[in-house]
Amino acid sequence: MKKKKEKMDAVKMMRDIRDRLSERYYNNADALHKDMESIRKKYKLVSKTTKTSKAA
């Protein structure tokens, strides 16, 4: 007999993630900046503040 799979609750999952990140970064802005920089490097993103416009 097969067990019935539980349905995934995406809203609950996103709330949990948001709460964990809020607790982590609330009093530690340096950790936020460090993590954001590593994400930018990993996905080869350029932040809006460091992006330069190309003038022809």
Protein backbone atom coordinates (compact mmCIF):
# COMPACT_ATOMS: atom_id res chain seq x y z
CA MET A 1 0.00 0.00 0.00
CA LYS A 2 1.39 3.38 -1.00
CA LYS A 3 1.56 6.26 1.40
CA LYS A 4 -0.08 9.49 0.35
CA LYS A 5 2.45 12.24 -0.28
CA GLU A 6 2.10 15.44 1.67
CA LYS A 7 1.53 18.52 -0.41
CA MET A 8 4.29 21.09 -0.34
CA ASP A 9 3.32 24.39 1.25
CA ALA A 10 5.37 26.96 -0.66
CA VAL A 11 4.10 29.91 1.37
CA LYS A 12 5.12 28.29 4.66
CA MET A 13 8.50 27.36 3.21
CA MET A 14 9.19 30.94 2.04
CA ARG A 15 8.13 32.34 5.43
CA ASP A 16 10.52 29.97 7.18
CA ILE A 17 13.37 30.97 4.87
CA ARG A 18 12.62 34.67 5.34
CA ASP A 19 12.52 34.28 9.13
CA ARG A 20 15.85 32.42 9.22
CA LEU A 21 17.55 35.02 7.04
CA SER A 22 16.06 37.88 9.08
CA GLU A 23 17.46 36.39 12.27
CA ARG A 24 20.86 35.89 10.64
CA TYR A 25 21.21 39.39 9.18
CA TYR A 26 19.29 41.55 11.68
CA ASN A 27 22.31 42.67 13.70
CA ASN A 28 25.00 41.55 11.28
CA ALA A 29 25.07 43.70 8.14
CA ASP A 30 28.60 42.52 7.33
CA ALA A 31 27.35 38.95 6.91
CA LEU A 32 24.68 40.17 4.50
CA HIS A 33 27.19 42.07 2.39
CA LYS A 34 29.60 39.13 2.40
CA ASP A 35 26.90 36.69 1.31
CA MET A 36 25.62 39.04 -1.40
CA GLU A 37 29.13 39.47 -2.77
CA SER A 38 29.66 35.71 -2.93
CA ILE A 39 26.32 35.30 -4.74
CA ARG A 40 27.31 37.98 -7.25
CA LYS A 41 30.59 36.18 -7.93
CA LYS A 42 28.95 32.76 -8.18
CA TYR A 43 26.33 33.85 -10.71
CA LYS A 44 28.51 36.49 -12.39
CA LEU A 45 26.16 39.34 -11.52
CA VAL A 46 27.00 43.02 -11.40
CA SER A 47 25.44 45.16 -8.71
CA LYS A 48 23.71 48.36 -9.80
CA THR A 49 26.05 50.50 -7.71
CA THR A 50 29.21 49.14 -9.35
CA LYS A 51 27.84 48.92 -12.88
CA THR A 52 29.35 51.45 -15.24
CA SER A 53 27.62 52.77 -18.29
CA LYS A 54 29.30 52.41 -21.64
CA ALA A 55 29.58 55.68 -23.48
CA ALA A 56 30.19 55.37 -27.20
